[in-house]
Amino acid sequence: MVEVNVGFRQAEDIVHFVETVQQFPCHADLVSGNRAVDAKSLMGAFAISQASDLRLVIYENSQKVINEMLSGLQDFTAKGKKKSCVPFA
């Protein structure tokens, strides 16, 4: 699981973000506080997009897939804010 801060400047950014995330087979959520929406859901992304502490959480084991996804989303991520998480066993 990887978590990165994200942000959007305009509505077109959200559309492009969701289209990019949809290209990958892994599950991803947009999270703010105790709210979470599917990052592949355009309506969900619009609903949560104005949150000040918005994060993308990617649930994927393949570092290659994660790197490809983050590369495609670099316009929306806060550079240098990548945080890897290891789930509790």
N, C-alpha and C. Protein backbone atom coordinates (compact mmCIF):
# COMPACT_ATOMS: atom_id res chain seq x y z
N MET A 1 0.85 -1.17 0.00
CA MET A 1 0.00 0.00 0.00
C MET A 1 0.90 1.24 0.00
N VAL A 2 0.53 2.19 -0.83
CA VAL A 2 1.26 3.45 -0.92
C VAL A 2 0.27 4.59 -0.79
N GLU A 3 0.69 5.64 -0.13
CA GLU A 3 -0.16 6.79 0.12
C GLU A 3 0.56 8.05 -0.32
N VAL A 4 -0.11 8.91 -1.12
CA VAL A 4 0.48 10.17 -1.57
C VAL A 4 -0.56 11.28 -1.45
N ASN A 5 -0.10 12.48 -1.18
CA ASN A 5 -0.99 13.64 -1.14
C ASN A 5 -1.33 14.04 -2.58
N VAL A 6 -2.58 14.41 -2.82
CA VAL A 6 -3.00 14.84 -4.14
C VAL A 6 -3.82 16.12 -4.02
N GLY A 7 -3.94 16.82 -5.13
CA GLY A 7 -4.75 18.04 -5.17
C GLY A 7 -5.14 18.35 -6.60
N PHE A 8 -6.23 19.10 -6.73
CA PHE A 8 -6.75 19.45 -8.05
C PHE A 8 -6.96 20.95 -8.13
N ARG A 9 -6.68 21.54 -9.30
CA ARG A 9 -6.86 22.97 -9.49
C ARG A 9 -8.21 23.28 -10.15
N GLN A 10 -8.67 22.38 -11.01
CA GLN A 10 -9.92 22.62 -11.74
C GLN A 10 -10.62 21.30 -12.04
N ALA A 11 -11.86 21.38 -12.48
CA ALA A 11 -12.68 20.19 -12.71
C ALA A 11 -12.05 19.25 -13.75
N GLU A 12 -11.42 19.80 -14.77
CA GLU A 12 -10.80 18.97 -15.79
C GLU A 12 -9.68 18.10 -15.21
N ASP A 13 -9.02 18.61 -14.16
CA ASP A 13 -7.98 17.83 -13.49
C ASP A 13 -8.56 16.55 -12.89
N ILE A 14 -9.74 16.66 -12.30
CA ILE A 14 -10.37 15.50 -11.67
C ILE A 14 -10.72 14.46 -12.72
N VAL A 15 -11.25 14.90 -13.85
CA VAL A 15 -11.60 13.98 -14.93
C VAL A 15 -10.35 13.26 -15.43
N HIS A 16 -9.28 14.00 -15.65
CA HIS A 16 -8.03 13.40 -16.13
C HIS A 16 -7.46 12.43 -15.09
N PHE A 17 -7.52 12.80 -13.82
CA PHE A 17 -7.04 11.95 -12.74
C PHE A 17 -7.79 10.61 -12.74
N VAL A 18 -9.11 10.65 -12.76
CA VAL A 18 -9.92 9.42 -12.72
C VAL A 18 -9.66 8.57 -13.96
N GLU A 19 -9.57 9.19 -15.13
CA GLU A 19 -9.28 8.43 -16.36
C GLU A 19 -7.93 7.72 -16.26
N THR A 20 -6.96 8.37 -15.66
CA THR A 20 -5.63 7.77 -15.50
C THR A 20 -5.67 6.61 -14.52
N VAL A 21 -6.31 6.80 -13.38
CA VAL A 21 -6.40 5.74 -12.37
C VAL A 21 -7.13 4.52 -12.92
N GLN A 22 -8.14 4.74 -13.74
CA GLN A 22 -8.93 3.64 -14.31
C GLN A 22 -8.11 2.74 -15.23
N GLN A 23 -6.98 3.19 -15.70
CA GLN A 23 -6.14 2.40 -16.59
C GLN A 23 -5.38 1.29 -15.87
N PHE A 24 -5.38 1.31 -14.54
CA PHE A 24 -4.59 0.36 -13.78
C PHE A 24 -5.49 -0.65 -13.07
N PRO A 25 -5.01 -1.91 -12.94
CA PRO A 25 -5.85 -2.97 -12.38
C PRO A 25 -5.99 -2.93 -10.86
N CYS A 26 -5.20 -2.13 -10.19
CA CYS A 26 -5.22 -2.13 -8.72
C CYS A 26 -6.37 -1.28 -8.19
N HIS A 27 -6.64 -1.45 -6.90
CA HIS A 27 -7.65 -0.66 -6.23
C HIS A 27 -6.99 0.58 -5.64
N ALA A 28 -7.68 1.71 -5.69
CA ALA A 28 -7.16 2.95 -5.12
C ALA A 28 -8.32 3.76 -4.56
N ASP A 29 -8.07 4.44 -3.45
CA ASP A 29 -9.07 5.29 -2.81
C ASP A 29 -8.55 6.72 -2.69
N LEU A 30 -9.46 7.68 -2.72
CA LEU A 30 -9.18 9.04 -2.33
C LEU A 30 -9.68 9.18 -0.90
N VAL A 31 -8.81 9.64 0.00
CA VAL A 31 -9.12 9.66 1.43
C VAL A 31 -8.90 11.05 1.99
N SER A 32 -9.84 11.47 2.84
CA SER A 32 -9.71 12.71 3.58
C SER A 32 -10.33 12.48 4.95
N GLY A 33 -9.50 12.55 5.97
CA GLY A 33 -10.01 12.29 7.32
C GLY A 33 -10.59 10.90 7.42
N ASN A 34 -11.85 10.80 7.82
CA ASN A 34 -12.49 9.49 7.92
C ASN A 34 -13.38 9.18 6.71
N ARG A 35 -13.26 9.97 5.66
CA ARG A 35 -14.02 9.74 4.43
C ARG A 35 -13.12 9.13 3.37
N ALA A 36 -13.65 8.17 2.62
CA ALA A 36 -12.90 7.54 1.53
C ALA A 36 -13.86 7.24 0.38
N VAL A 37 -13.37 7.47 -0.84
CA VAL A 37 -14.14 7.14 -2.04
C VAL A 37 -13.24 6.40 -3.00
N ASP A 38 -13.83 5.62 -3.87
CA ASP A 38 -13.09 4.90 -4.90
C ASP A 38 -12.46 5.92 -5.85
N ALA A 39 -11.16 5.85 -6.03
CA ALA A 39 -10.46 6.81 -6.89
C ALA A 39 -10.82 6.63 -8.37
N LYS A 40 -11.48 5.53 -8.71
CA LYS A 40 -11.91 5.30 -10.09
C LYS A 40 -13.33 5.81 -10.34
N SER A 41 -13.94 6.40 -9.32
CA SER A 41 -15.30 6.92 -9.42
C SER A 41 -15.26 8.43 -9.65
N LEU A 42 -15.77 8.86 -10.79
CA LEU A 42 -15.77 10.28 -11.11
C LEU A 42 -16.63 11.06 -10.11
N MET A 43 -17.80 10.54 -9.80
CA MET A 43 -18.68 11.23 -8.85
C MET A 43 -18.05 11.29 -7.46
N GLY A 44 -17.43 10.18 -7.03
CA GLY A 44 -16.76 10.17 -5.74
C GLY A 44 -15.61 11.15 -5.69
N ALA A 45 -14.82 11.19 -6.76
CA ALA A 45 -13.68 12.11 -6.81
C ALA A 45 -14.14 13.56 -6.76
N PHE A 46 -15.23 13.89 -7.48
CA PHE A 46 -15.76 15.26 -7.42
C PHE A 46 -16.26 15.58 -6.02
N ALA A 47 -16.88 14.62 -5.36
CA ALA A 47 -17.45 14.85 -4.03
C ALA A 47 -16.39 15.16 -2.99
N ILE A 48 -15.23 14.55 -3.10
CA ILE A 48 -14.19 14.70 -2.07
C ILE A 48 -13.06 15.65 -2.52
N SER A 49 -13.12 16.13 -3.73
CA SER A 49 -11.99 16.85 -4.34
C SER A 49 -11.59 18.13 -3.63
N GLN A 50 -12.47 18.77 -2.91
CA GLN A 50 -12.15 20.05 -2.27
C GLN A 50 -11.53 19.90 -0.89
N ALA A 51 -11.35 18.67 -0.42
CA ALA A 51 -10.75 18.45 0.90
C ALA A 51 -9.32 18.98 0.93
N SER A 52 -8.93 19.55 2.04
CA SER A 52 -7.59 20.14 2.14
C SER A 52 -6.51 19.08 2.39
N ASP A 53 -6.88 17.96 2.95
CA ASP A 53 -5.91 16.91 3.27
C ASP A 53 -6.12 15.66 2.42
N LEU A 54 -6.34 15.84 1.14
CA LEU A 54 -6.69 14.74 0.25
C LEU A 54 -5.49 13.86 -0.06
N ARG A 55 -5.68 12.55 0.09
CA ARG A 55 -4.61 11.58 -0.18
C ARG A 55 -5.12 10.49 -1.11
N LEU A 56 -4.22 9.98 -1.94
CA LEU A 56 -4.50 8.82 -2.77
C LEU A 56 -3.83 7.63 -2.10
N VAL A 57 -4.62 6.58 -1.84
CA VAL A 57 -4.10 5.36 -1.25
C VAL A 57 -4.21 4.27 -2.32
N ILE A 58 -3.05 3.71 -2.70
CA ILE A 58 -2.99 2.67 -3.74
C ILE A 58 -2.74 1.34 -3.07
N TYR A 59 -3.62 0.38 -3.34
CA TYR A 59 -3.50 -0.96 -2.77
C TYR A 59 -2.95 -1.89 -3.85
N GLU A 60 -1.64 -2.02 -3.89
CA GLU A 60 -0.97 -2.81 -4.92
C GLU A 60 0.36 -3.30 -4.39
N ASN A 61 0.70 -4.54 -4.72
CA ASN A 61 1.97 -5.11 -4.29
C ASN A 61 3.09 -4.90 -5.29
N SER A 62 2.76 -4.71 -6.55
CA SER A 62 3.75 -4.56 -7.60
C SER A 62 4.30 -3.12 -7.62
N GLN A 63 5.58 -2.98 -7.32
CA GLN A 63 6.20 -1.65 -7.34
C GLN A 63 6.19 -1.06 -8.75
N LYS A 64 6.26 -1.91 -9.76
CA LYS A 64 6.23 -1.45 -11.15
C LYS A 64 4.91 -0.76 -11.45
N VAL A 65 3.80 -1.38 -11.05
CA VAL A 65 2.48 -0.80 -11.28
C VAL A 65 2.34 0.51 -10.52
N ILE A 66 2.80 0.52 -9.27
CA ILE A 66 2.73 1.74 -8.46
C ILE A 66 3.52 2.87 -9.12
N ASN A 67 4.73 2.57 -9.55
CA ASN A 67 5.57 3.60 -10.20
C ASN A 67 4.93 4.12 -11.48
N GLU A 68 4.34 3.22 -12.28
CA GLU A 68 3.68 3.64 -13.52
C GLU A 68 2.48 4.53 -13.21
N MET A 69 1.71 4.15 -12.20
CA MET A 69 0.55 4.95 -11.83
C MET A 69 0.97 6.33 -11.33
N LEU A 70 1.95 6.37 -10.44
CA LEU A 70 2.40 7.65 -9.91
C LEU A 70 3.02 8.53 -10.99
N SER A 71 3.67 7.91 -11.95
CA SER A 71 4.24 8.66 -13.06
C SER A 71 3.13 9.34 -13.86
N GLY A 72 2.05 8.63 -14.08
CA GLY A 72 0.92 9.19 -14.82
C GLY A 72 0.14 10.23 -14.04
N LEU A 73 0.29 10.21 -12.72
CA LEU A 73 -0.46 11.13 -11.86
C LEU A 73 0.41 12.24 -11.27
N GLN A 74 1.62 12.41 -11.75
CA GLN A 74 2.55 13.36 -11.14
C GLN A 74 2.04 14.80 -11.14
N ASP A 75 1.15 15.16 -12.05
CA ASP A 75 0.61 16.52 -12.05
C ASP A 75 -0.31 16.78 -10.85
N PHE A 76 -0.79 15.71 -10.20
CA PHE A 76 -1.73 15.85 -9.10
C PHE A 76 -1.14 15.52 -7.74
N THR A 77 0.08 14.99 -7.73
CA THR A 77 0.69 14.57 -6.46
C THR A 77 1.66 15.63 -5.97
N ALA A 78 1.77 15.70 -4.67
CA ALA A 78 2.77 16.58 -4.06
C ALA A 78 4.10 15.86 -4.14
N LYS A 79 4.99 16.36 -4.92
CA LYS A 79 6.27 15.68 -5.15
C LYS A 79 7.05 15.53 -3.85
N GLY A 80 7.61 14.35 -3.68
CA GLY A 80 8.41 14.09 -2.49
C GLY A 80 7.60 13.70 -1.27
N LYS A 81 6.32 13.51 -1.42
CA LYS A 81 5.46 13.21 -0.27
C LYS A 81 4.99 11.76 -0.26
N LYS A 82 5.65 10.90 -1.00
CA LYS A 82 5.28 9.48 -1.07
C LYS A 82 5.54 8.81 0.27
N LYS A 83 4.58 8.04 0.71
CA LYS A 83 4.73 7.36 1.98
C LYS A 83 4.28 5.91 1.80
N SER A 84 5.18 4.97 2.01
CA SER A 84 4.86 3.56 1.91
C SER A 84 4.32 3.07 3.24
N CYS A 85 3.34 2.23 3.17
CA CYS A 85 2.74 1.66 4.38
C CYS A 85 2.74 0.15 4.27
N VAL A 86 2.97 -0.49 5.37
CA VAL A 86 2.91 -1.95 5.41
C VAL A 86 1.69 -2.31 6.25
N PRO A 87 0.76 -3.08 5.68
CA PRO A 87 -0.44 -3.43 6.46
C PRO A 87 -0.08 -4.34 7.63
N PHE A 88 -0.86 -4.26 8.66
CA PHE A 88 -0.68 -5.13 9.82
C PHE A 88 -1.01 -6.56 9.46
N ALA A 89 -0.21 -7.48 9.92
CA ALA A 89 -0.43 -8.91 9.61
C ALA A 89 -1.45 -9.50 10.55
